[in-house]
Amino acid sequence: MLNLSIGKRVSWIGAAGRAYGTIENFDNVRNVKGETIPWITISCKTPLNPNYSVRFPATSDYLSKMKLTSI
Protein backbone atom coordinates (compact mmCIF):
# COMPACT_ATOMS: atom_id res chain seq x y z
CA MET A 1 0.00 0.00 0.00
CA LEU A 2 1.26 3.45 -0.91
CA ASN A 3 1.44 6.22 1.64
CA LEU A 4 0.68 9.19 -0.61
CA SER A 5 0.39 12.76 0.62
CA ILE A 6 0.74 16.27 -0.78
CA GLY A 7 4.41 17.18 -1.22
CA LYS A 8 5.60 13.55 -1.52
CA ARG A 9 7.97 12.72 -4.40
CA VAL A 10 6.79 9.89 -6.67
CA SER A 11 7.79 8.10 -9.85
CA TRP A 12 5.74 6.14 -12.37
CA ILE A 13 6.04 4.48 -15.76
CA GLY A 14 4.13 6.02 -18.66
CA ALA A 15 4.28 5.92 -22.46
CA ALA A 16 7.42 8.09 -22.45
CA GLY A 17 9.21 5.95 -19.86
CA ARG A 18 9.84 6.61 -16.16
CA ALA A 19 8.70 10.01 -14.91
CA TYR A 20 9.17 11.83 -11.59
CA GLY A 21 7.21 14.51 -9.81
CA THR A 22 5.75 15.89 -6.60
CA ILE A 23 2.13 15.36 -5.52
CA GLU A 24 0.28 18.70 -5.62
CA ASN A 25 -3.35 17.80 -4.99
CA PHE A 26 -5.99 15.12 -4.48
CA ASP A 27 -9.63 15.67 -5.35
CA ASN A 28 -12.81 13.77 -6.16
CA VAL A 29 -14.23 14.26 -9.65
CA ARG A 30 -16.85 12.47 -11.72
CA ASN A 31 -15.52 10.27 -14.49
CA VAL A 32 -17.17 9.55 -17.85
CA LYS A 33 -19.37 6.86 -16.28
CA GLY A 34 -20.69 9.41 -13.77
CA GLU A 35 -18.87 7.79 -10.84
CA THR A 36 -17.05 10.02 -8.36
CA ILE A 37 -13.44 8.83 -8.07
CA PRO A 38 -10.25 10.26 -6.58
CA TRP A 39 -7.79 12.06 -8.88
CA ILE A 40 -4.18 12.97 -8.25
CA THR A 41 -2.29 15.99 -9.64
CA ILE A 42 1.50 15.68 -9.87
CA SER A 43 3.88 18.54 -10.70
CA CYS A 44 6.62 17.54 -13.16
CA LYS A 45 8.57 20.78 -13.52
CA THR A 46 11.36 20.88 -16.10
CA PRO A 47 13.65 23.71 -17.20
CA LEU A 48 11.78 23.92 -20.51
CA ASN A 49 8.30 23.76 -18.95
CA PRO A 50 8.24 24.93 -15.30
CA ASN A 51 4.41 24.74 -15.06
CA TYR A 52 3.97 21.17 -16.34
CA SER A 53 1.78 18.80 -14.34
CA VAL A 54 -0.08 15.55 -14.94
CA ARG A 55 -3.40 14.36 -13.59
CA PHE A 56 -4.73 10.84 -13.46
CA PRO A 57 -7.18 8.66 -11.51
CA ALA A 58 -5.91 7.71 -8.05
CA THR A 59 -7.64 4.33 -8.04
CA SER A 60 -5.58 1.35 -6.88
CA ASP A 61 -6.07 -0.40 -10.23
CA TYR A 62 -4.79 2.56 -12.26
CA LEU A 63 -1.88 3.35 -9.91
CA SER A 64 -0.70 -0.27 -10.00
CA LYS A 65 -0.76 -0.23 -13.83
CA MET A 66 1.32 2.96 -13.79
CA LYS A 67 3.67 1.35 -11.25
CA LEU A 68 3.46 4.48 -9.08
CA THR A 69 6.00 4.41 -6.25
CA SER A 70 7.04 6.96 -3.65
CA ILE A 71 10.70 7.99 -3.65
C-alpha atoms as a PDB file:
ATOM      1  CA  MET A   1       0.000   0.000   0.000  1.00  0.00           C
ATOM      2  CA  LEU A   2       1.262   3.450  -0.914  1.00  0.00           C
ATOM      3  CA  ASN A   3       1.441   6.219   1.639  1.00  0.00           C
ATOM      4  CA  LEU A   4       0.676   9.192  -0.613  1.00  0.00           C
ATOM      5  CA  SER A   5       0.393  12.759   0.620  1.00  0.00           C
ATOM      6  CA  ILE A   6       0.744  16.266  -0.781  1.00  0.00           C
ATOM      7  CA  GLY A   7       4.409  17.178  -1.219  1.00  0.00           C
ATOM      8  CA  LYS A   8       5.603  13.554  -1.516  1.00  0.00           C
ATOM      9  CA  ARG A   9       7.968  12.719  -4.401  1.00  0.00           C
ATOM     10  CA  VAL A  10       6.792   9.889  -6.674  1.00  0.00           C
ATOM     11  CA  SER A  11       7.791   8.098  -9.849  1.00  0.00           C
ATOM     12  CA  TRP A  12       5.741   6.137 -12.371  1.00  0.00           C
ATOM     13  CA  ILE A  13       6.037   4.482 -15.761  1.00  0.00           C
ATOM     14  CA  GLY A  14       4.128   6.023 -18.659  1.00  0.00           C
ATOM     15  CA  ALA A  15       4.284   5.923 -22.458  1.00  0.00           C
ATOM     16  CA  ALA A  16       7.423   8.093 -22.451  1.00  0.00           C
ATOM     17  CA  GLY A  17       9.214   5.946 -19.857  1.00  0.00           C
ATOM     18  CA  ARG A  18       9.835   6.611 -16.157  1.00  0.00           C
ATOM     19  CA  ALA A  19       8.701  10.013 -14.908  1.00  0.00           C
ATOM     20  CA  TYR A  20       9.172  11.827 -11.594  1.00  0.00           C
ATOM     21  CA  GLY A  21       7.208  14.507  -9.808  1.00  0.00           C
ATOM     22  CA  THR A  22       5.747  15.892  -6.598  1.00  0.00           C
ATOM     23  CA  ILE A  23       2.127  15.363  -5.522  1.00  0.00           C
ATOM     24  CA  GLU A  24       0.281  18.700  -5.625  1.00  0.00           C
ATOM     25  CA  ASN A  25      -3.348  17.802  -4.985  1.00  0.00           C
ATOM     26  CA  PHE A  26      -5.994  15.116  -4.481  1.00  0.00           C
ATOM     27  CA  ASP A  27      -9.634  15.674  -5.347  1.00  0.00           C
ATOM     28  CA  ASN A  28     -12.813  13.769  -6.155  1.00  0.00           C
ATOM     29  CA  VAL A  29     -14.234  14.258  -9.646  1.00  0.00           C
ATOM     30  CA  ARG A  30     -16.847  12.474 -11.716  1.00  0.00           C
ATOM     31  CA  ASN A  31     -15.521  10.275 -14.494  1.00  0.00           C
ATOM     32  CA  VAL A  32     -17.172   9.547 -17.847  1.00  0.00           C
ATOM     33  CA  LYS A  33     -19.372   6.861 -16.276  1.00  0.00           C
ATOM     34  CA  GLY A  34     -20.686   9.413 -13.766  1.00  0.00           C
ATOM     35  CA  GLU A  35     -18.869   7.793 -10.837  1.00  0.00           C
ATOM     36  CA  THR A  36     -17.051  10.023  -8.360  1.00  0.00           C
ATOM     37  CA  ILE A  37     -13.441   8.834  -8.074  1.00  0.00           C
ATOM     38  CA  PRO A  38     -10.246  10.265  -6.579  1.00  0.00           C
ATOM     39  CA  TRP A  39      -7.793  12.057  -8.881  1.00  0.00           C
ATOM     40  CA  ILE A  40      -4.175  12.973  -8.245  1.00  0.00           C
ATOM     41  CA  THR A  41      -2.285  15.990  -9.637  1.00  0.00           C
ATOM     42  CA  ILE A  42       1.502  15.682  -9.875  1.00  0.00           C
ATOM     43  CA  SER A  43       3.879  18.536 -10.700  1.00  0.00           C
ATOM     44  CA  CYS A  44       6.623  17.541 -13.164  1.00  0.00           C
ATOM     45  CA  LYS A  45       8.570  20.776 -13.515  1.00  0.00           C
ATOM     46  CA  THR A  46      11.356  20.880 -16.099  1.00  0.00           C
ATOM     47  CA  PRO A  47      13.654  23.712 -17.195  1.00  0.00           C
ATOM     48  CA  LEU A  48      11.775  23.919 -20.512  1.00  0.00           C
ATOM     49  CA  ASN A  49       8.304  23.764 -18.947  1.00  0.00           C
ATOM     50  CA  PRO A  50       8.235  24.930 -15.296  1.00  0.00           C
ATOM     51  CA  ASN A  51       4.412  24.743 -15.059  1.00  0.00           C
ATOM     52  CA  TYR A  52       3.966  21.168 -16.345  1.00  0.00           C
ATOM     53  CA  SER A  53       1.776  18.801 -14.345  1.00  0.00           C
ATOM     54  CA  VAL A  54      -0.084  15.553 -14.944  1.00  0.00           C
ATOM     55  CA  ARG A  55      -3.397  14.360 -13.589  1.00  0.00           C
ATOM     56  CA  PHE A  56      -4.726  10.837 -13.459  1.00  0.00           C
ATOM     57  CA  PRO A  57      -7.175   8.658 -11.511  1.00  0.00           C
ATOM     58  CA  ALA A  58      -5.912   7.706  -8.054  1.00  0.00           C
ATOM     59  CA  THR A  59      -7.641   4.328  -8.037  1.00  0.00           C
ATOM     60  CA  SER A  60      -5.581   1.353  -6.878  1.00  0.00           C
ATOM     61  CA  ASP A  61      -6.070  -0.402 -10.234  1.00  0.00           C
ATOM     62  CA  TYR A  62      -4.787   2.559 -12.258  1.00  0.00           C
ATOM     63  CA  LEU A  63      -1.880   3.346  -9.908  1.00  0.00           C
ATOM     64  CA  SER A  64      -0.698  -0.270 -10.003  1.00  0.00           C
ATOM     65  CA  LYS A  65      -0.760  -0.233 -13.829  1.00  0.00           C
ATOM     66  CA  MET A  66       1.323   2.963 -13.795  1.00  0.00           C
ATOM     67  CA  LYS A  67       3.668   1.350 -11.247  1.00  0.00           C
ATOM     68  CA  LEU A  68       3.459   4.480  -9.084  1.00  0.00           C
ATOM     69  CA  THR A  69       5.997   4.413  -6.253  1.00  0.00           C
ATOM     70  CA  SER A  70       7.040   6.961  -3.649  1.00  0.00           C
ATOM     71  CA  ILE A  71      10.700   7.985  -3.646  1.00  0.00           C
END
